[in-house]
Amino acid sequence: MFDLGQYLPYLINRAGARLAVAFGQEIRRHGVTLQEWRVMAALAAHGAQRLSDLAALTSIELSTLSRLIGRMARSGLLTRSRAEGDRREIAVRLTARGTGLTRTIITTAKRYERLSLRGISKSEEDQLKRLLVRVYGNLGTLEPAPQR
């Protein structure tokens, strides 16, 4: 018998969707979408990034990310410039406004993480995060099924 309630992809999606909807609604009051938040958080954590590296950090497809970066640059959250050493690459970095907004939203993000992990010990939290990183790595070899 197949039990959907114990199926890992379903469990991950179910928890992620619940978090994404609630967190997305809350950060929308700052004028930021979930994808924009992921870009801002990645830049805050890792500094200026080439577009291709940022796509890997955020799990946002490159063409989608390129359009997103354009919107964020127009709204003053980040800047784009040619990367040092390779004039063909674009480097993206947060502006002072983007950095300030990221710090504000981090407080909300940490609150959602605490809520999600309520009743889970620090060692269980660490293990859960390690396992999810491993699951993600395991799925790196997947290719999309052909379209019919």
N, C-alpha and C. Protein backbone atom coordinates (compact mmCIF):
# COMPACT_ATOMS: atom_id res chain seq x y z
N MET A 1 0.84 -1.18 0.00
CA MET A 1 0.00 0.00 0.00
C MET A 1 0.89 1.25 0.00
N PHE A 2 0.51 2.22 -0.77
CA PHE A 2 1.24 3.49 -0.85
C PHE A 2 0.57 4.50 0.07
N ASP A 3 1.35 5.05 1.02
CA ASP A 3 0.82 6.03 1.97
C ASP A 3 1.39 7.40 1.64
N LEU A 4 0.59 8.22 0.98
CA LEU A 4 1.03 9.55 0.59
C LEU A 4 1.52 10.35 1.79
N GLY A 5 0.89 10.18 2.93
CA GLY A 5 1.26 10.91 4.14
C GLY A 5 2.64 10.58 4.67
N GLN A 6 3.27 9.51 4.15
CA GLN A 6 4.62 9.14 4.56
C GLN A 6 5.60 9.20 3.38
N TYR A 7 5.19 9.78 2.28
CA TYR A 7 6.00 9.88 1.07
C TYR A 7 6.86 11.13 1.17
N LEU A 8 8.19 10.95 1.15
CA LEU A 8 9.12 12.05 1.39
C LEU A 8 8.88 13.27 0.49
N PRO A 9 8.78 13.13 -0.83
CA PRO A 9 8.55 14.34 -1.64
C PRO A 9 7.29 15.10 -1.22
N TYR A 10 6.24 14.37 -0.89
CA TYR A 10 5.01 15.01 -0.43
C TYR A 10 5.23 15.74 0.89
N LEU A 11 5.90 15.09 1.83
CA LEU A 11 6.15 15.72 3.14
C LEU A 11 6.99 16.99 3.01
N ILE A 12 8.03 16.95 2.17
CA ILE A 12 8.87 18.13 1.96
C ILE A 12 8.05 19.24 1.32
N ASN A 13 7.30 18.90 0.28
CA ASN A 13 6.51 19.90 -0.41
C ASN A 13 5.45 20.50 0.50
N ARG A 14 4.79 19.66 1.27
CA ARG A 14 3.71 20.10 2.16
C ARG A 14 4.23 21.12 3.19
N ALA A 15 5.34 20.78 3.84
CA ALA A 15 5.92 21.70 4.83
C ALA A 15 6.42 22.97 4.15
N GLY A 16 7.11 22.81 3.02
CA GLY A 16 7.64 23.97 2.31
C GLY A 16 6.55 24.90 1.81
N ALA A 17 5.47 24.34 1.30
CA ALA A 17 4.37 25.15 0.79
C ALA A 17 3.71 25.95 1.91
N ARG A 18 3.51 25.31 3.04
CA ARG A 18 2.89 26.02 4.16
C ARG A 18 3.76 27.20 4.61
N LEU A 19 5.06 26.94 4.72
CA LEU A 19 6.00 28.00 5.09
C LEU A 19 6.04 29.11 4.04
N ALA A 20 6.14 28.71 2.78
CA ALA A 20 6.27 29.69 1.70
C ALA A 20 5.06 30.62 1.63
N VAL A 21 3.88 30.07 1.77
CA VAL A 21 2.67 30.90 1.69
C VAL A 21 2.64 31.91 2.83
N ALA A 22 2.83 31.44 4.05
CA ALA A 22 2.75 32.34 5.21
C ALA A 22 3.88 33.37 5.20
N PHE A 23 5.11 32.92 4.98
CA PHE A 23 6.26 33.83 4.96
C PHE A 23 6.14 34.80 3.79
N GLY A 24 5.72 34.30 2.64
CA GLY A 24 5.56 35.16 1.46
C GLY A 24 4.55 36.27 1.69
N GLN A 25 3.45 35.94 2.35
CA GLN A 25 2.44 36.96 2.66
C GLN A 25 3.01 38.01 3.60
N GLU A 26 3.79 37.58 4.56
CA GLU A 26 4.34 38.52 5.54
C GLU A 26 5.38 39.45 4.92
N ILE A 27 6.24 38.92 4.07
CA ILE A 27 7.28 39.79 3.49
C ILE A 27 6.75 40.65 2.35
N ARG A 28 5.60 40.30 1.83
CA ARG A 28 4.98 41.10 0.77
C ARG A 28 4.75 42.53 1.24
N ARG A 29 4.52 42.73 2.53
CA ARG A 29 4.31 44.10 3.04
C ARG A 29 5.56 44.96 2.91
N HIS A 30 6.71 44.31 2.70
CA HIS A 30 7.96 45.04 2.44
C HIS A 30 8.19 45.23 0.94
N GLY A 31 7.23 44.75 0.13
CA GLY A 31 7.36 44.86 -1.31
C GLY A 31 8.30 43.85 -1.92
N VAL A 32 8.48 42.71 -1.26
CA VAL A 32 9.45 41.70 -1.69
C VAL A 32 8.73 40.37 -1.90
N THR A 33 9.08 39.68 -3.00
CA THR A 33 8.56 38.33 -3.24
C THR A 33 9.52 37.30 -2.63
N LEU A 34 9.07 36.05 -2.59
CA LEU A 34 9.93 34.98 -2.06
C LEU A 34 11.21 34.83 -2.88
N GLN A 35 11.10 34.89 -4.20
CA GLN A 35 12.30 34.77 -5.03
C GLN A 35 13.24 35.94 -4.79
N GLU A 36 12.71 37.14 -4.67
CA GLU A 36 13.55 38.30 -4.38
C GLU A 36 14.24 38.13 -3.03
N TRP A 37 13.50 37.62 -2.05
CA TRP A 37 14.08 37.38 -0.73
C TRP A 37 15.24 36.40 -0.82
N ARG A 38 15.08 35.33 -1.59
CA ARG A 38 16.16 34.34 -1.73
C ARG A 38 17.40 34.99 -2.33
N VAL A 39 17.21 35.85 -3.31
CA VAL A 39 18.34 36.55 -3.91
C VAL A 39 19.01 37.45 -2.87
N MET A 40 18.21 38.22 -2.15
CA MET A 40 18.76 39.13 -1.14
C MET A 40 19.49 38.37 -0.04
N ALA A 41 18.91 37.28 0.43
CA ALA A 41 19.53 36.49 1.49
C ALA A 41 20.85 35.88 1.02
N ALA A 42 20.86 35.38 -0.22
CA ALA A 42 22.10 34.79 -0.76
C ALA A 42 23.19 35.85 -0.90
N LEU A 43 22.84 37.03 -1.38
CA LEU A 43 23.83 38.09 -1.53
C LEU A 43 24.31 38.58 -0.16
N ALA A 44 23.42 38.65 0.80
CA ALA A 44 23.81 39.08 2.15
C ALA A 44 24.77 38.07 2.77
N ALA A 45 24.55 36.81 2.52
CA ALA A 45 25.39 35.76 3.11
C ALA A 45 26.71 35.57 2.38
N HIS A 46 26.71 35.74 1.05
CA HIS A 46 27.88 35.38 0.24
C HIS A 46 28.54 36.56 -0.46
N GLY A 47 27.99 37.76 -0.32
CA GLY A 47 28.57 38.91 -1.00
C GLY A 47 28.22 38.92 -2.48
N ALA A 48 28.85 39.81 -3.22
CA ALA A 48 28.58 39.95 -4.65
C ALA A 48 28.76 38.61 -5.35
N GLN A 49 27.90 38.34 -6.32
CA GLN A 49 27.91 37.05 -7.02
C GLN A 49 27.75 37.26 -8.52
N ARG A 50 28.37 36.35 -9.27
CA ARG A 50 28.09 36.29 -10.70
C ARG A 50 26.69 35.71 -10.84
N LEU A 51 26.02 36.07 -11.91
CA LEU A 51 24.65 35.62 -12.13
C LEU A 51 24.55 34.09 -12.10
N SER A 52 25.48 33.40 -12.73
CA SER A 52 25.43 31.93 -12.76
C SER A 52 25.59 31.34 -11.36
N ASP A 53 26.46 31.92 -10.55
CA ASP A 53 26.64 31.42 -9.18
C ASP A 53 25.42 31.72 -8.33
N LEU A 54 24.82 32.88 -8.55
CA LEU A 54 23.62 33.25 -7.81
C LEU A 54 22.46 32.32 -8.16
N ALA A 55 22.38 31.91 -9.42
CA ALA A 55 21.34 30.96 -9.82
C ALA A 55 21.50 29.65 -9.05
N ALA A 56 22.73 29.18 -8.90
CA ALA A 56 22.98 27.95 -8.15
C ALA A 56 22.65 28.13 -6.67
N LEU A 57 23.01 29.26 -6.10
CA LEU A 57 22.75 29.51 -4.67
C LEU A 57 21.25 29.60 -4.36
N THR A 58 20.48 30.14 -5.28
CA THR A 58 19.06 30.40 -5.03
C THR A 58 18.12 29.36 -5.62
N SER A 59 18.66 28.45 -6.44
CA SER A 59 17.83 27.47 -7.16
C SER A 59 16.79 28.15 -8.04
N ILE A 60 17.18 29.27 -8.63
CA ILE A 60 16.31 29.98 -9.57
C ILE A 60 16.93 29.83 -10.96
N GLU A 61 16.12 29.41 -11.93
CA GLU A 61 16.59 29.21 -13.30
C GLU A 61 17.17 30.52 -13.84
N LEU A 62 18.26 30.41 -14.59
CA LEU A 62 19.05 31.57 -15.01
C LEU A 62 18.24 32.63 -15.75
N SER A 63 17.39 32.26 -16.69
CA SER A 63 16.63 33.28 -17.42
C SER A 63 15.61 33.97 -16.50
N THR A 64 15.00 33.20 -15.60
CA THR A 64 14.08 33.79 -14.62
C THR A 64 14.85 34.73 -13.69
N LEU A 65 16.02 34.30 -13.25
CA LEU A 65 16.84 35.12 -12.36
C LEU A 65 17.26 36.41 -13.04
N SER A 66 17.61 36.35 -14.29
CA SER A 66 18.03 37.54 -15.03
C SER A 66 16.92 38.59 -15.04
N ARG A 67 15.70 38.17 -15.31
CA ARG A 67 14.56 39.11 -15.30
C ARG A 67 14.32 39.64 -13.88
N LEU A 68 14.42 38.76 -12.90
CA LEU A 68 14.23 39.14 -11.50
C LEU A 68 15.26 40.19 -11.08
N ILE A 69 16.51 39.97 -11.46
CA ILE A 69 17.59 40.90 -11.13
C ILE A 69 17.32 42.26 -11.75
N GLY A 70 16.82 42.27 -12.96
CA GLY A 70 16.46 43.54 -13.61
C GLY A 70 15.43 44.31 -12.83
N ARG A 71 14.38 43.63 -12.38
CA ARG A 71 13.34 44.28 -11.57
C ARG A 71 13.91 44.79 -10.25
N MET A 72 14.74 43.97 -9.62
CA MET A 72 15.31 44.36 -8.33
C MET A 72 16.27 45.54 -8.47
N ALA A 73 16.99 45.60 -9.58
CA ALA A 73 17.89 46.72 -9.82
C ALA A 73 17.07 48.00 -10.02
N ARG A 74 15.98 47.90 -10.79
CA ARG A 74 15.13 49.08 -11.01
C ARG A 74 14.51 49.58 -9.72
N SER A 75 14.26 48.67 -8.78
CA SER A 75 13.66 49.09 -7.50
C SER A 75 14.71 49.50 -6.47
N GLY A 76 15.97 49.46 -6.85
CA GLY A 76 17.03 49.95 -5.97
C GLY A 76 17.52 48.98 -4.92
N LEU A 77 17.19 47.69 -5.06
CA LEU A 77 17.62 46.70 -4.07
C LEU A 77 19.03 46.17 -4.33
N LEU A 78 19.45 46.21 -5.59
CA LEU A 78 20.77 45.71 -5.93
C LEU A 78 21.31 46.42 -7.16
N THR A 79 22.58 46.20 -7.42
CA THR A 79 23.22 46.75 -8.60
C THR A 79 23.80 45.63 -9.43
N ARG A 80 23.94 45.89 -10.72
CA ARG A 80 24.59 44.96 -11.64
C ARG A 80 25.78 45.68 -12.25
N SER A 81 26.86 44.96 -12.40
CA SER A 81 28.03 45.52 -13.08
C SER A 81 28.80 44.37 -13.72
N ARG A 82 29.73 44.72 -14.58
CA ARG A 82 30.56 43.68 -15.20
C ARG A 82 31.49 43.09 -14.13
N ALA A 83 31.63 41.77 -14.16
CA ALA A 83 32.47 41.07 -13.19
C ALA A 83 33.94 41.34 -13.48
N GLU A 84 34.72 41.47 -12.43
CA GLU A 84 36.16 41.64 -12.59
C GLU A 84 36.75 40.37 -13.19
N GLY A 85 37.65 40.53 -14.14
CA GLY A 85 38.31 39.38 -14.73
C GLY A 85 37.58 38.78 -15.92
N ASP A 86 36.28 39.01 -16.04
CA ASP A 86 35.51 38.48 -17.17
C ASP A 86 34.42 39.47 -17.50
N ARG A 87 34.67 40.30 -18.48
CA ARG A 87 33.74 41.38 -18.84
C ARG A 87 32.40 40.85 -19.36
N ARG A 88 32.34 39.55 -19.70
CA ARG A 88 31.08 38.98 -20.19
C ARG A 88 30.14 38.64 -19.04
N GLU A 89 30.68 38.45 -17.85
CA GLU A 89 29.88 38.07 -16.68
C GLU A 89 29.32 39.31 -15.98
N ILE A 90 28.16 39.15 -15.40
CA ILE A 90 27.51 40.20 -14.62
C ILE A 90 27.68 39.87 -13.14
N ALA A 91 28.13 40.86 -12.37
CA ALA A 91 28.21 40.71 -10.91
C ALA A 91 27.04 41.46 -10.29
N VAL A 92 26.42 40.83 -9.30
CA VAL A 92 25.26 41.40 -8.64
C VAL A 92 25.60 41.61 -7.18
N ARG A 93 25.23 42.79 -6.64
CA ARG A 93 25.47 43.06 -5.22
C ARG A 93 24.31 43.88 -4.66
N LEU A 94 24.09 43.72 -3.37
CA LEU A 94 23.04 44.48 -2.70
C LEU A 94 23.43 45.95 -2.58
N THR A 95 22.44 46.82 -2.67
CA THR A 95 22.65 48.23 -2.37
C THR A 95 22.48 48.41 -0.86
N ALA A 96 22.73 49.60 -0.38
CA ALA A 96 22.50 49.90 1.04
C ALA A 96 21.03 49.67 1.39
N ARG A 97 20.13 50.07 0.49
CA ARG A 97 18.70 49.85 0.72
C ARG A 97 18.39 48.36 0.78
N GLY A 98 18.95 47.59 -0.14
CA GLY A 98 18.74 46.15 -0.16
C GLY A 98 19.29 45.48 1.08
N THR A 99 20.44 45.91 1.54
CA THR A 99 21.05 45.36 2.75
C THR A 99 20.18 45.64 3.97
N GLY A 100 19.69 46.86 4.08
CA GLY A 100 18.83 47.21 5.21
C GLY A 100 17.54 46.41 5.21
N LEU A 101 16.93 46.28 4.04
CA LEU A 101 15.69 45.52 3.95
C LEU A 101 15.93 44.04 4.26
N THR A 102 17.06 43.52 3.81
CA THR A 102 17.40 42.13 4.10
C THR A 102 17.52 41.92 5.60
N ARG A 103 18.20 42.82 6.28
CA ARG A 103 18.33 42.69 7.75
C ARG A 103 16.97 42.71 8.43
N THR A 104 16.08 43.55 7.95
CA THR A 104 14.73 43.62 8.53
C THR A 104 14.00 42.29 8.34
N ILE A 105 14.09 41.73 7.15
CA ILE A 105 13.36 40.49 6.85
C ILE A 105 14.00 39.29 7.54
N ILE A 106 15.29 39.32 7.78
CA ILE A 106 15.96 38.21 8.47
C ILE A 106 15.31 37.95 9.83
N THR A 107 14.89 38.99 10.51
CA THR A 107 14.21 38.82 11.79
C THR A 107 12.95 37.97 11.61
N THR A 108 12.19 38.26 10.57
CA THR A 108 10.98 37.49 10.27
C THR A 108 11.34 36.06 9.88
N ALA A 109 12.37 35.91 9.04
CA ALA A 109 12.80 34.58 8.60
C ALA A 109 13.21 33.71 9.78
N LYS A 110 13.94 34.29 10.72
CA LYS A 110 14.36 33.53 11.90
C LYS A 110 13.16 33.13 12.76
N ARG A 111 12.16 34.00 12.83
CA ARG A 111 10.96 33.67 13.59
C ARG A 111 10.23 32.48 12.96
N TYR A 112 10.14 32.46 11.63
CA TYR A 112 9.52 31.33 10.94
C TYR A 112 10.32 30.04 11.13
N GLU A 113 11.63 30.15 11.13
CA GLU A 113 12.45 28.96 11.37
C GLU A 113 12.22 28.43 12.79
N ARG A 114 12.20 29.34 13.78
CA ARG A 114 11.94 28.91 15.16
C ARG A 114 10.58 28.23 15.28
N LEU A 115 9.57 28.81 14.65
CA LEU A 115 8.22 28.23 14.68
C LEU A 115 8.24 26.84 14.05
N SER A 116 8.92 26.69 12.94
CA SER A 116 9.00 25.41 12.24
C SER A 116 9.68 24.34 13.08
N LEU A 117 10.65 24.73 13.88
CA LEU A 117 11.47 23.78 14.63
C LEU A 117 11.02 23.62 16.09
N ARG A 118 9.88 24.20 16.41
CA ARG A 118 9.38 24.11 17.78
C ARG A 118 9.24 22.64 18.19
N GLY A 119 9.78 22.30 19.36
CA GLY A 119 9.71 20.94 19.88
C GLY A 119 10.79 20.03 19.33
N ILE A 120 11.69 20.57 18.52
CA ILE A 120 12.79 19.81 17.94
C ILE A 120 14.08 20.26 18.61
N SER A 121 14.87 19.31 19.10
CA SER A 121 16.11 19.65 19.80
C SER A 121 17.13 20.21 18.81
N LYS A 122 18.15 20.86 19.34
CA LYS A 122 19.22 21.43 18.51
C LYS A 122 19.91 20.33 17.71
N SER A 123 20.16 19.18 18.33
CA SER A 123 20.82 18.09 17.60
C SER A 123 19.90 17.55 16.50
N GLU A 124 18.60 17.46 16.76
CA GLU A 124 17.65 17.02 15.72
C GLU A 124 17.58 18.05 14.60
N GLU A 125 17.61 19.33 14.95
CA GLU A 125 17.61 20.40 13.95
C GLU A 125 18.84 20.28 13.06
N ASP A 126 20.00 20.13 13.66
CA ASP A 126 21.24 20.00 12.89
C ASP A 126 21.18 18.78 11.98
N GLN A 127 20.67 17.66 12.51
CA GLN A 127 20.56 16.44 11.72
C GLN A 127 19.58 16.63 10.56
N LEU A 128 18.44 17.25 10.83
CA LEU A 128 17.44 17.49 9.80
C LEU A 128 18.04 18.32 8.66
N LYS A 129 18.75 19.36 9.01
CA LYS A 129 19.35 20.22 7.99
C LYS A 129 20.41 19.47 7.19
N ARG A 130 21.25 18.68 7.88
CA ARG A 130 22.25 17.88 7.16
C ARG A 130 21.59 16.89 6.20
N LEU A 131 20.52 16.26 6.66
CA LEU A 131 19.83 15.28 5.83
C LEU A 131 19.16 15.94 4.62
N LEU A 132 18.56 17.09 4.82
CA LEU A 132 17.93 17.78 3.69
C LEU A 132 18.97 18.25 2.67
N VAL A 133 20.14 18.68 3.14
CA VAL A 133 21.22 19.04 2.22
C VAL A 133 21.64 17.80 1.44
N ARG A 134 21.72 16.67 2.10
CA ARG A 134 22.11 15.43 1.42
C ARG A 134 21.04 15.00 0.41
N VAL A 135 19.76 15.09 0.80
CA VAL A 135 18.67 14.75 -0.12
C VAL A 135 18.76 15.63 -1.36
N TYR A 136 18.96 16.93 -1.16
CA TYR A 136 19.09 17.85 -2.29
C TYR A 136 20.25 17.43 -3.19
N GLY A 137 21.38 17.10 -2.60
CA GLY A 137 22.53 16.65 -3.37
C GLY A 137 22.24 15.37 -4.14
N ASN A 138 21.54 14.44 -3.50
CA ASN A 138 21.17 13.19 -4.17
C ASN A 138 20.33 13.45 -5.41
N LEU A 139 19.54 14.50 -5.38
CA LEU A 139 18.63 14.79 -6.48
C LEU A 139 19.29 15.60 -7.59
N GLY A 140 20.56 15.94 -7.43
CA GLY A 140 21.27 16.73 -8.43
C GLY A 140 21.43 16.04 -9.77
N THR A 141 21.29 14.74 -9.79
CA THR A 141 21.45 14.01 -11.04
C THR A 141 20.13 13.84 -11.79
N LEU A 142 19.04 14.26 -11.18
CA LEU A 142 17.73 14.11 -11.83
C LEU A 142 17.64 15.03 -13.04
N GLU A 143 17.04 14.52 -14.07
CA GLU A 143 16.74 15.34 -15.24
C GLU A 143 15.24 15.36 -15.40
N PRO A 144 14.69 16.48 -15.88
CA PRO A 144 13.24 16.53 -16.06
C PRO A 144 12.77 15.46 -17.05
N ALA A 145 11.59 14.94 -16.79
CA ALA A 145 11.01 13.96 -17.70
C ALA A 145 10.68 14.65 -19.02
N PRO A 146 10.81 13.93 -20.13
CA PRO A 146 10.49 14.55 -21.42
C PRO A 146 9.02 14.97 -21.49
N GLN A 147 8.77 16.08 -22.16
CA GLN A 147 7.41 16.59 -22.33
C GLN A 147 6.71 15.79 -23.43
N ARG A 148 5.46 15.52 -23.24
CA ARG A 148 4.70 14.77 -24.25
C ARG A 148 3.66 15.66 -24.87
